[in-house]
Structure formats: C-alpha cells, structure tokens
C-alpha cells in the first residue's frame, strides 16, 4: 500500500502520462515502456503512454483487443501466457525507447479499467512483462498484483479526471 501512496502524492495538475507511468512502473518493478495508459475518447482508446504509441493508431472500443474488452467489461484481467491470447500485435512492432524489437514481445499482461471518480470508464492501464521468450519475462503476475493494479487504476482515474477537467466522460 505504501507504493500506491507514491502515486497519490503526484500533483494532479502537474502530472503527465509519463510521470504517472514512471511511478506505476516502480510500483510493479517493470520498465516504463511496459506500462501502457490509454484514454477513452468517444469510441476509441488512444495511447497516452508510451509516447511512441500515440501516433501508432487507436483501438476501436468495438474491437476484440484486450484493452477494448477491458473498457467494455470494466473488469481487470491478468494473462501469464499472453502470447497464447488472441490479440493484435501491431503495437508490439513499434520500437519503444532503447529496446530492440526482440525484447518487445509481451509475454505477461495485466489490464484494468481506469475509472473517473463517478465510476465512468475513462481509460485503460496495462502492465506487461516483455521478453524474447516466456522464461526471460520474469515472474508471473499474481492475484495480489491484479488487486494492486485495480487500486492504482482508481488513483490514475482521479489524476486523469482532475488533470483533464473530466468530471463526466462518455460512459461505457
């Protein structure tokens, strides 16, 4: 719980997607490029972080993408064998930071809806573990990690709602 307090201490008006995701990366002990933050705009999920994915495209809410399903279902999920989950890997082809493409394969993933204080879905946050093969991706995510991500997503929702002036976003 102490780690989540780090996130709560971020200045909501000065918080950027980069600063929020850097804090979340520390909480889950992953690289900053292994944290994705998406914002719901109409019927599309748009990447706020990593920066390289902002221009790579958006995810239609109606698609079968994991992030879209998370927003629609309002349910957090974890996948410790993500390569076995049917998903679009187009975003994995975008080079992030200093890593090479061989390191970009998402092996493990947690996803949670980001809710505004009123309970409206305003985005999705995802934590991944990337590696060339499953054995190199680090430990499996556990249910406690998923519960912690849900708490983090609530804080992120408050920061996003205050920072964008969103008290009412389009509901899912």
N, C-alpha and C. Protein backbone atom coordinates (compact mmCIF):
# COMPACT_ATOMS: atom_id res chain seq x y z
N UNK A 1 0.83 -1.19 0.00
CA UNK A 1 0.00 0.00 0.00
C UNK A 1 0.87 1.25 0.00
N UNK A 2 2.02 1.19 0.63
CA UNK A 2 2.93 2.33 0.69
C UNK A 2 3.30 2.79 -0.71
N UNK A 3 3.48 1.85 -1.64
CA UNK A 3 3.86 2.21 -3.00
C UNK A 3 2.76 2.99 -3.70
N UNK A 4 1.52 2.65 -3.44
CA UNK A 4 0.40 3.35 -4.08
C UNK A 4 0.33 4.78 -3.56
N UNK A 5 0.77 5.01 -2.33
CA UNK A 5 0.79 6.36 -1.79
C UNK A 5 1.73 7.26 -2.60
N UNK A 6 2.77 6.67 -3.20
CA UNK A 6 3.67 7.44 -4.07
C UNK A 6 2.86 8.04 -5.23
N UNK A 7 1.98 7.23 -5.79
CA UNK A 7 1.16 7.68 -6.90
C UNK A 7 0.18 8.74 -6.43
N UNK A 8 -0.40 8.55 -5.25
CA UNK A 8 -1.37 9.51 -4.72
C UNK A 8 -0.71 10.85 -4.44
N UNK A 9 0.59 10.84 -4.19
CA UNK A 9 1.28 12.08 -3.87
C UNK A 9 1.62 12.92 -5.11
N UNK A 10 1.43 12.37 -6.30
CA UNK A 10 1.70 13.15 -7.51
C UNK A 10 0.75 14.34 -7.57
N UNK A 11 1.27 15.47 -7.96
CA UNK A 11 0.44 16.67 -8.11
C UNK A 11 -0.48 16.46 -9.30
N UNK A 12 -1.77 16.40 -9.06
CA UNK A 12 -2.72 16.08 -10.12
C UNK A 12 -2.69 17.09 -11.27
N UNK A 13 -2.40 18.33 -11.00
CA UNK A 13 -2.39 19.32 -12.07
C UNK A 13 -1.09 19.27 -12.85
N UNK A 14 -0.01 18.83 -12.22
CA UNK A 14 1.27 18.78 -12.90
C UNK A 14 1.61 17.40 -13.41
N UNK A 15 0.76 16.44 -13.14
CA UNK A 15 1.04 15.07 -13.56
C UNK A 15 0.90 14.92 -15.06
N UNK A 16 1.85 14.22 -15.63
CA UNK A 16 1.80 13.91 -17.05
C UNK A 16 1.64 12.41 -17.18
N UNK A 17 1.20 11.92 -18.33
CA UNK A 17 1.15 10.47 -18.51
C UNK A 17 2.51 9.83 -18.24
N UNK A 18 3.60 10.53 -18.62
CA UNK A 18 4.94 9.99 -18.41
C UNK A 18 5.27 9.86 -16.93
N UNK A 19 4.94 10.90 -16.13
CA UNK A 19 5.25 10.84 -14.70
C UNK A 19 4.38 9.81 -13.99
N UNK A 20 3.13 9.73 -14.39
CA UNK A 20 2.23 8.73 -13.79
C UNK A 20 2.75 7.32 -14.10
N UNK A 21 3.07 7.06 -15.36
CA UNK A 21 3.51 5.73 -15.76
C UNK A 21 4.88 5.37 -15.18
N UNK A 22 5.75 6.36 -14.99
CA UNK A 22 7.04 6.10 -14.34
C UNK A 22 6.81 5.63 -12.90
N UNK A 23 5.88 6.27 -12.22
CA UNK A 23 5.57 5.87 -10.85
C UNK A 23 4.95 4.46 -10.82
N UNK A 24 4.05 4.19 -11.75
CA UNK A 24 3.41 2.87 -11.83
C UNK A 24 4.46 1.80 -12.14
N UNK A 25 5.41 2.11 -13.01
CA UNK A 25 6.47 1.16 -13.34
C UNK A 25 7.27 0.78 -12.09
N UNK A 26 7.55 1.78 -11.23
CA UNK A 26 8.28 1.49 -9.99
C UNK A 26 7.46 0.59 -9.08
N UNK A 27 6.17 0.87 -8.98
CA UNK A 27 5.29 0.07 -8.12
C UNK A 27 5.34 -1.41 -8.52
N UNK A 28 5.28 -1.67 -9.83
CA UNK A 28 5.23 -3.05 -10.31
C UNK A 28 6.59 -3.60 -10.74
N UNK A 29 7.64 -2.80 -10.57
CA UNK A 29 9.00 -3.21 -10.89
C UNK A 29 9.12 -3.70 -12.33
N UNK A 30 8.61 -2.87 -13.24
CA UNK A 30 8.73 -3.13 -14.67
C UNK A 30 9.36 -1.90 -15.32
N UNK A 31 9.76 -2.03 -16.58
CA UNK A 31 10.30 -0.89 -17.32
C UNK A 31 9.16 0.09 -17.64
N UNK A 32 9.49 1.36 -17.77
CA UNK A 32 8.48 2.37 -18.09
C UNK A 32 7.77 2.02 -19.40
N UNK A 33 8.50 1.41 -20.34
CA UNK A 33 7.91 1.03 -21.62
C UNK A 33 6.98 -0.18 -21.49
N UNK A 34 6.90 -0.77 -20.29
CA UNK A 34 6.00 -1.89 -20.07
C UNK A 34 4.69 -1.45 -19.39
N UNK A 35 4.50 -0.15 -19.31
CA UNK A 35 3.26 0.42 -18.78
C UNK A 35 2.57 1.15 -19.92
N UNK A 36 1.33 0.79 -20.19
CA UNK A 36 0.55 1.47 -21.22
C UNK A 36 -0.63 2.16 -20.54
N UNK A 37 -0.88 3.40 -20.94
CA UNK A 37 -2.02 4.15 -20.45
C UNK A 37 -2.79 4.65 -21.66
N UNK A 38 -4.06 4.28 -21.71
CA UNK A 38 -4.92 4.67 -22.83
C UNK A 38 -6.09 5.48 -22.30
N UNK A 39 -6.53 6.44 -23.10
CA UNK A 39 -7.65 7.29 -22.72
C UNK A 39 -8.80 7.04 -23.69
N UNK A 40 -9.99 6.93 -23.13
CA UNK A 40 -11.18 6.74 -23.96
C UNK A 40 -11.65 8.08 -24.50
N UNK A 41 -11.72 8.18 -25.80
CA UNK A 41 -12.22 9.37 -26.47
C UNK A 41 -13.29 8.95 -27.45
N UNK A 42 -14.54 9.16 -27.10
CA UNK A 42 -15.63 8.69 -27.95
C UNK A 42 -15.65 7.17 -27.97
N UNK A 43 -15.47 6.60 -29.16
CA UNK A 43 -15.49 5.14 -29.28
C UNK A 43 -14.10 4.57 -29.55
N UNK A 44 -13.06 5.36 -29.21
CA UNK A 44 -11.68 4.93 -29.46
C UNK A 44 -10.84 5.03 -28.19
N UNK A 45 -9.93 4.08 -28.03
CA UNK A 45 -8.92 4.16 -26.98
C UNK A 45 -7.65 4.69 -27.62
N UNK A 46 -7.15 5.79 -27.09
CA UNK A 46 -5.95 6.42 -27.61
C UNK A 46 -4.82 6.30 -26.60
N UNK A 47 -3.63 5.98 -27.08
CA UNK A 47 -2.48 5.85 -26.20
C UNK A 47 -2.04 7.21 -25.68
N UNK A 48 -1.87 7.31 -24.37
CA UNK A 48 -1.24 8.47 -23.75
C UNK A 48 0.22 8.14 -23.45
N UNK A 49 0.50 6.86 -23.23
CA UNK A 49 1.85 6.38 -22.91
C UNK A 49 1.93 4.92 -23.32
N UNK A 50 3.04 4.46 -23.84
CA UNK A 50 4.28 5.14 -24.19
C UNK A 50 4.07 6.14 -25.33
N UNK A 51 4.90 7.16 -25.32
CA UNK A 51 4.79 8.25 -26.29
C UNK A 51 4.84 7.75 -27.73
N UNK A 52 5.66 6.73 -27.97
CA UNK A 52 5.82 6.22 -29.34
C UNK A 52 4.52 5.65 -29.90
N UNK A 53 3.61 5.26 -29.01
CA UNK A 53 2.35 4.66 -29.48
C UNK A 53 1.25 5.69 -29.72
N UNK A 54 1.49 6.94 -29.33
CA UNK A 54 0.48 7.98 -29.53
C UNK A 54 0.12 8.14 -31.00
N UNK A 55 1.10 7.99 -31.87
CA UNK A 55 0.87 8.17 -33.30
C UNK A 55 0.73 6.84 -34.05
N UNK A 56 0.75 5.73 -33.32
CA UNK A 56 0.69 4.42 -33.97
C UNK A 56 -0.74 4.00 -34.30
N UNK A 57 -1.71 4.74 -33.81
CA UNK A 57 -3.10 4.39 -34.08
C UNK A 57 -3.89 4.30 -32.79
N UNK A 58 -5.17 4.09 -32.95
CA UNK A 58 -6.08 3.98 -31.81
C UNK A 58 -6.77 2.63 -31.86
N UNK A 59 -7.39 2.26 -30.77
CA UNK A 59 -8.06 0.98 -30.67
C UNK A 59 -9.57 1.23 -30.60
N UNK A 60 -10.32 0.75 -31.59
CA UNK A 60 -11.77 0.92 -31.52
C UNK A 60 -12.34 0.15 -30.33
N UNK A 61 -13.26 0.78 -29.63
CA UNK A 61 -13.88 0.15 -28.47
C UNK A 61 -14.62 -1.13 -28.86
N UNK A 62 -15.06 -1.20 -30.10
CA UNK A 62 -15.81 -2.36 -30.58
C UNK A 62 -14.91 -3.53 -30.98
N UNK A 63 -13.58 -3.33 -30.96
CA UNK A 63 -12.66 -4.38 -31.42
C UNK A 63 -12.51 -5.49 -30.39
N UNK A 64 -11.82 -6.54 -30.81
CA UNK A 64 -11.57 -7.67 -29.91
C UNK A 64 -10.29 -7.48 -29.10
N UNK A 65 -9.66 -6.32 -29.22
CA UNK A 65 -8.42 -6.04 -28.48
C UNK A 65 -8.66 -6.17 -26.98
N UNK A 66 -7.65 -6.62 -26.27
CA UNK A 66 -7.75 -6.79 -24.82
C UNK A 66 -8.11 -5.47 -24.15
N UNK A 67 -7.48 -4.37 -24.56
CA UNK A 67 -7.77 -3.07 -23.95
C UNK A 67 -9.24 -2.68 -24.17
N UNK A 68 -9.77 -2.92 -25.35
CA UNK A 68 -11.17 -2.61 -25.63
C UNK A 68 -12.09 -3.46 -24.76
N UNK A 69 -11.76 -4.75 -24.65
CA UNK A 69 -12.57 -5.63 -23.80
C UNK A 69 -12.54 -5.16 -22.35
N UNK A 70 -11.38 -4.70 -21.89
CA UNK A 70 -11.26 -4.21 -20.52
C UNK A 70 -12.17 -3.00 -20.30
N UNK A 71 -12.17 -2.08 -21.25
CA UNK A 71 -13.01 -0.90 -21.13
C UNK A 71 -14.49 -1.27 -21.17
N UNK A 72 -14.86 -2.17 -22.06
CA UNK A 72 -16.28 -2.56 -22.18
C UNK A 72 -16.76 -3.34 -20.96
N UNK A 73 -15.93 -4.28 -20.49
CA UNK A 73 -16.36 -5.16 -19.39
C UNK A 73 -16.18 -4.54 -18.01
N UNK A 74 -15.30 -3.51 -17.94
CA UNK A 74 -14.97 -2.86 -16.67
C UNK A 74 -14.31 -3.84 -15.69
N UNK A 75 -13.69 -4.89 -16.24
CA UNK A 75 -13.06 -5.93 -15.43
C UNK A 75 -11.55 -5.96 -15.64
N UNK A 76 -10.83 -6.11 -14.53
CA UNK A 76 -9.37 -6.30 -14.60
C UNK A 76 -9.10 -7.77 -14.91
N UNK A 77 -8.03 -8.01 -15.66
CA UNK A 77 -7.65 -9.38 -16.00
C UNK A 77 -6.14 -9.50 -16.01
N UNK A 78 -5.66 -10.74 -15.84
CA UNK A 78 -4.23 -11.00 -16.00
C UNK A 78 -4.03 -12.21 -16.88
N UNK A 79 -2.94 -12.15 -17.63
CA UNK A 79 -2.58 -13.20 -18.58
C UNK A 79 -1.09 -13.49 -18.43
N UNK A 80 -0.75 -14.64 -17.90
CA UNK A 80 0.66 -15.01 -17.75
C UNK A 80 1.19 -15.77 -18.96
N UNK A 81 0.32 -16.05 -19.92
CA UNK A 81 0.73 -16.65 -21.19
C UNK A 81 0.12 -15.81 -22.31
N UNK A 82 0.47 -14.53 -22.34
CA UNK A 82 -0.19 -13.60 -23.24
C UNK A 82 0.01 -13.94 -24.70
N UNK A 83 1.11 -14.58 -25.05
CA UNK A 83 1.34 -14.92 -26.46
C UNK A 83 0.29 -15.92 -26.94
N UNK A 84 -0.39 -16.59 -26.02
CA UNK A 84 -1.43 -17.55 -26.38
C UNK A 84 -2.81 -16.89 -26.51
N UNK A 85 -2.90 -15.63 -26.09
CA UNK A 85 -4.16 -14.89 -26.15
C UNK A 85 -4.28 -14.24 -27.51
N UNK A 86 -5.44 -14.42 -28.17
CA UNK A 86 -5.64 -13.79 -29.47
C UNK A 86 -5.66 -12.28 -29.27
N UNK A 87 -4.74 -11.61 -29.93
CA UNK A 87 -4.64 -10.15 -29.82
C UNK A 87 -3.92 -9.60 -31.05
N UNK A 88 -4.11 -8.33 -31.27
CA UNK A 88 -3.42 -7.66 -32.36
C UNK A 88 -2.03 -7.29 -31.87
N UNK A 89 -1.02 -7.74 -32.57
CA UNK A 89 0.35 -7.46 -32.13
C UNK A 89 0.95 -6.24 -32.84
N UNK A 90 0.13 -5.49 -33.55
CA UNK A 90 0.64 -4.35 -34.32
C UNK A 90 1.40 -3.36 -33.44
N UNK A 91 0.90 -3.12 -32.22
CA UNK A 91 1.55 -2.15 -31.35
C UNK A 91 2.88 -2.68 -30.80
N UNK A 92 3.04 -4.00 -30.79
CA UNK A 92 4.30 -4.58 -30.33
C UNK A 92 5.42 -4.37 -31.36
N UNK A 93 5.06 -4.02 -32.58
CA UNK A 93 6.05 -3.80 -33.62
C UNK A 93 6.67 -2.41 -33.56
N UNK A 94 6.10 -1.52 -32.75
CA UNK A 94 6.63 -0.17 -32.62
C UNK A 94 7.80 -0.19 -31.65
N UNK A 95 8.93 0.34 -32.08
CA UNK A 95 10.12 0.38 -31.23
C UNK A 95 9.91 1.38 -30.11
N UNK A 96 10.08 0.91 -28.87
CA UNK A 96 9.89 1.76 -27.69
C UNK A 96 11.22 2.01 -27.01
N UNK A 97 11.55 3.26 -26.79
CA UNK A 97 12.78 3.59 -26.07
C UNK A 97 14.00 3.03 -26.75
N UNK A 98 14.90 2.49 -25.93
CA UNK A 98 16.18 2.00 -26.42
C UNK A 98 16.17 0.50 -26.70
N UNK A 99 15.03 -0.15 -26.54
CA UNK A 99 14.98 -1.61 -26.70
C UNK A 99 14.89 -2.00 -28.16
N UNK A 100 15.35 -3.18 -28.47
CA UNK A 100 15.22 -3.72 -29.81
C UNK A 100 13.91 -4.47 -29.94
N UNK A 101 13.52 -4.79 -31.15
CA UNK A 101 12.26 -5.48 -31.36
C UNK A 101 12.23 -6.85 -30.70
N UNK A 102 13.37 -7.51 -30.57
CA UNK A 102 13.39 -8.83 -29.95
C UNK A 102 12.90 -8.78 -28.51
N UNK A 103 13.03 -7.63 -27.86
CA UNK A 103 12.62 -7.51 -26.47
C UNK A 103 11.17 -7.06 -26.33
N UNK A 104 10.48 -6.84 -27.44
CA UNK A 104 9.17 -6.21 -27.41
C UNK A 104 7.99 -7.17 -27.28
N UNK A 105 8.20 -8.46 -27.26
CA UNK A 105 7.09 -9.40 -27.23
C UNK A 105 6.49 -9.43 -25.82
N UNK A 106 5.21 -9.13 -25.75
CA UNK A 106 4.52 -9.16 -24.45
C UNK A 106 4.28 -10.62 -24.09
N UNK A 107 4.91 -11.04 -23.01
CA UNK A 107 4.75 -12.41 -22.53
C UNK A 107 3.67 -12.50 -21.45
N UNK A 108 3.59 -11.47 -20.61
CA UNK A 108 2.65 -11.44 -19.48
C UNK A 108 1.99 -10.06 -19.46
N UNK A 109 0.70 -10.03 -19.10
CA UNK A 109 -0.01 -8.76 -19.14
C UNK A 109 -1.09 -8.71 -18.07
N UNK A 110 -1.22 -7.54 -17.46
CA UNK A 110 -2.36 -7.24 -16.59
C UNK A 110 -3.03 -6.01 -17.17
N UNK A 111 -4.33 -5.96 -17.09
CA UNK A 111 -5.09 -4.85 -17.64
C UNK A 111 -6.22 -4.50 -16.68
N UNK A 112 -6.49 -3.20 -16.56
CA UNK A 112 -7.56 -2.74 -15.66
C UNK A 112 -8.20 -1.49 -16.23
N UNK A 113 -9.51 -1.34 -16.02
CA UNK A 113 -10.16 -0.11 -16.46
C UNK A 113 -9.76 1.06 -15.56
N UNK A 114 -9.63 2.23 -16.15
CA UNK A 114 -9.38 3.46 -15.39
C UNK A 114 -10.73 4.17 -15.29
N UNK A 115 -11.14 4.40 -14.05
CA UNK A 115 -12.45 4.97 -13.80
C UNK A 115 -12.34 6.38 -13.25
N UNK A 116 -13.21 7.26 -13.71
CA UNK A 116 -13.32 8.60 -13.13
C UNK A 116 -13.96 8.43 -11.75
N UNK A 117 -13.84 9.43 -10.87
CA UNK A 117 -14.43 9.32 -9.54
C UNK A 117 -15.91 8.92 -9.53
N UNK A 118 -16.67 9.26 -10.56
CA UNK A 118 -18.08 8.86 -10.62
C UNK A 118 -18.30 7.44 -11.10
N UNK A 119 -17.21 6.72 -11.45
CA UNK A 119 -17.33 5.34 -11.88
C UNK A 119 -17.38 5.15 -13.39
N UNK A 120 -17.27 6.22 -14.15
CA UNK A 120 -17.28 6.15 -15.60
C UNK A 120 -15.91 5.71 -16.11
N UNK A 121 -15.89 4.80 -17.08
CA UNK A 121 -14.63 4.36 -17.68
C UNK A 121 -14.07 5.51 -18.53
N UNK A 122 -12.84 5.93 -18.21
CA UNK A 122 -12.18 6.98 -18.98
C UNK A 122 -10.89 6.49 -19.64
N UNK A 123 -10.54 5.23 -19.38
CA UNK A 123 -9.32 4.70 -19.98
C UNK A 123 -9.02 3.29 -19.53
N UNK A 124 -7.82 2.86 -19.86
CA UNK A 124 -7.33 1.53 -19.51
C UNK A 124 -5.85 1.66 -19.18
N UNK A 125 -5.42 0.92 -18.16
CA UNK A 125 -3.99 0.86 -17.85
C UNK A 125 -3.57 -0.60 -17.95
N UNK A 126 -2.39 -0.81 -18.53
CA UNK A 126 -1.88 -2.17 -18.70
C UNK A 126 -0.42 -2.23 -18.26
N UNK A 127 -0.09 -3.31 -17.58
CA UNK A 127 1.28 -3.60 -17.16
C UNK A 127 1.68 -4.88 -17.87
N UNK A 128 2.83 -4.84 -18.53
CA UNK A 128 3.29 -6.04 -19.22
C UNK A 128 4.69 -6.42 -18.77
N UNK A 129 5.04 -7.62 -19.09
CA UNK A 129 6.42 -8.09 -18.96
C UNK A 129 6.80 -8.58 -20.34
N UNK A 130 7.80 -7.93 -20.92
CA UNK A 130 8.22 -8.23 -22.28
C UNK A 130 9.56 -8.93 -22.28
N UNK A 131 9.71 -9.85 -23.19
CA UNK A 131 10.97 -10.58 -23.35
C UNK A 131 10.88 -11.38 -24.65
N UNK A 132 12.02 -11.85 -25.14
CA UNK A 132 12.01 -12.66 -26.36
C UNK A 132 11.30 -14.00 -26.18
N UNK A 133 11.27 -14.51 -24.94
CA UNK A 133 10.62 -15.81 -24.66
C UNK A 133 10.06 -15.78 -23.23
N UNK A 134 9.08 -16.61 -22.92
CA UNK A 134 8.40 -16.57 -21.62
C UNK A 134 9.33 -16.69 -20.42
N UNK A 135 10.31 -17.57 -20.49
CA UNK A 135 11.19 -17.80 -19.34
C UNK A 135 12.00 -16.56 -18.97
N UNK A 136 12.20 -15.67 -19.93
CA UNK A 136 13.01 -14.46 -19.70
C UNK A 136 12.16 -13.27 -19.24
N UNK A 137 10.85 -13.46 -19.11
CA UNK A 137 9.95 -12.34 -18.84
C UNK A 137 9.78 -12.02 -17.36
N UNK A 138 10.40 -12.78 -16.50
CA UNK A 138 10.24 -12.51 -15.07
C UNK A 138 9.09 -13.29 -14.47
N UNK A 139 8.79 -12.99 -13.22
CA UNK A 139 7.77 -13.77 -12.50
C UNK A 139 6.36 -13.56 -13.05
N UNK A 140 5.54 -14.57 -12.86
CA UNK A 140 4.12 -14.44 -13.21
C UNK A 140 3.47 -13.36 -12.37
N UNK A 141 2.47 -12.72 -12.93
CA UNK A 141 1.63 -11.83 -12.14
C UNK A 141 0.72 -12.70 -11.28
N UNK A 142 0.40 -12.25 -10.09
CA UNK A 142 -0.48 -12.99 -9.20
C UNK A 142 -1.72 -12.13 -8.90
N UNK A 143 -2.72 -12.73 -8.27
CA UNK A 143 -3.96 -12.00 -8.00
C UNK A 143 -3.73 -10.77 -7.15
N UNK A 144 -2.77 -10.82 -6.23
CA UNK A 144 -2.45 -9.63 -5.43
C UNK A 144 -1.95 -8.49 -6.33
N UNK A 145 -1.19 -8.82 -7.36
CA UNK A 145 -0.73 -7.80 -8.32
C UNK A 145 -1.92 -7.17 -9.04
N UNK A 146 -2.87 -8.02 -9.42
CA UNK A 146 -4.06 -7.53 -10.12
C UNK A 146 -4.88 -6.61 -9.22
N UNK A 147 -5.03 -6.99 -7.96
CA UNK A 147 -5.78 -6.15 -7.00
C UNK A 147 -5.07 -4.81 -6.82
N UNK A 148 -3.74 -4.86 -6.77
CA UNK A 148 -2.97 -3.62 -6.63
C UNK A 148 -3.14 -2.75 -7.88
N UNK A 149 -3.18 -3.37 -9.06
CA UNK A 149 -3.40 -2.62 -10.29
C UNK A 149 -4.77 -1.96 -10.27
N UNK A 150 -5.77 -2.63 -9.76
CA UNK A 150 -7.10 -2.02 -9.68
C UNK A 150 -7.07 -0.78 -8.79
N UNK A 151 -6.34 -0.83 -7.68
CA UNK A 151 -6.21 0.34 -6.80
C UNK A 151 -5.45 1.46 -7.51
N UNK A 152 -4.38 1.09 -8.19
CA UNK A 152 -3.60 2.07 -8.95
C UNK A 152 -4.50 2.73 -10.01
N UNK A 153 -5.31 1.93 -10.69
CA UNK A 153 -6.20 2.46 -11.73
C UNK A 153 -7.18 3.48 -11.16
N UNK A 154 -7.62 3.28 -9.92
CA UNK A 154 -8.51 4.26 -9.28
C UNK A 154 -7.80 5.59 -9.07
N UNK A 155 -6.55 5.54 -8.59
CA UNK A 155 -5.76 6.76 -8.41
C UNK A 155 -5.50 7.44 -9.75
N UNK A 156 -5.16 6.65 -10.75
CA UNK A 156 -4.89 7.20 -12.08
C UNK A 156 -6.16 7.86 -12.63
N UNK A 157 -7.30 7.25 -12.38
CA UNK A 157 -8.57 7.84 -12.82
C UNK A 157 -8.81 9.20 -12.19
N UNK A 158 -8.49 9.33 -10.90
CA UNK A 158 -8.64 10.62 -10.22
C UNK A 158 -7.70 11.66 -10.83
N UNK A 159 -6.45 11.25 -11.08
CA UNK A 159 -5.47 12.17 -11.67
C UNK A 159 -5.88 12.60 -13.07
N UNK A 160 -6.34 11.63 -13.87
CA UNK A 160 -6.74 11.95 -15.24
C UNK A 160 -7.97 12.86 -15.25
N UNK A 161 -8.92 12.58 -14.39
CA UNK A 161 -10.16 13.38 -14.36
C UNK A 161 -9.85 14.81 -13.93
N UNK A 162 -8.99 14.98 -12.92
CA UNK A 162 -8.63 16.33 -12.46
C UNK A 162 -7.77 17.04 -13.50
N UNK A 163 -6.81 16.32 -14.04
CA UNK A 163 -5.88 16.92 -14.99
C UNK A 163 -6.53 17.34 -16.29
N UNK A 164 -7.57 16.64 -16.70
CA UNK A 164 -8.24 16.95 -17.96
C UNK A 164 -9.52 17.74 -17.73
N UNK A 165 -9.88 17.92 -16.45
CA UNK A 165 -11.13 18.59 -16.17
C UNK A 165 -12.32 17.72 -16.51
N UNK A 166 -12.09 16.41 -16.52
CA UNK A 166 -13.16 15.49 -16.87
C UNK A 166 -13.92 15.10 -15.61
N UNK A 167 -15.08 15.62 -15.42
CA UNK A 167 -15.90 15.12 -14.32
C UNK A 167 -16.92 14.17 -14.89
N UNK A 168 -17.25 14.38 -16.15
CA UNK A 168 -18.19 13.48 -16.82
C UNK A 168 -17.59 13.11 -18.17
N UNK A 169 -17.21 11.85 -18.33
CA UNK A 169 -16.74 11.37 -19.63
C UNK A 169 -17.83 10.48 -20.21
N UNK A 170 -17.76 10.19 -21.47
CA UNK A 170 -18.78 9.32 -22.06
C UNK A 170 -18.66 7.95 -21.44
N UNK A 171 -19.78 7.42 -21.01
CA UNK A 171 -19.73 6.16 -20.26
C UNK A 171 -19.76 4.96 -21.18
N UNK A 172 -19.22 3.87 -20.64
CA UNK A 172 -19.16 2.60 -21.37
C UNK A 172 -20.12 1.65 -20.73
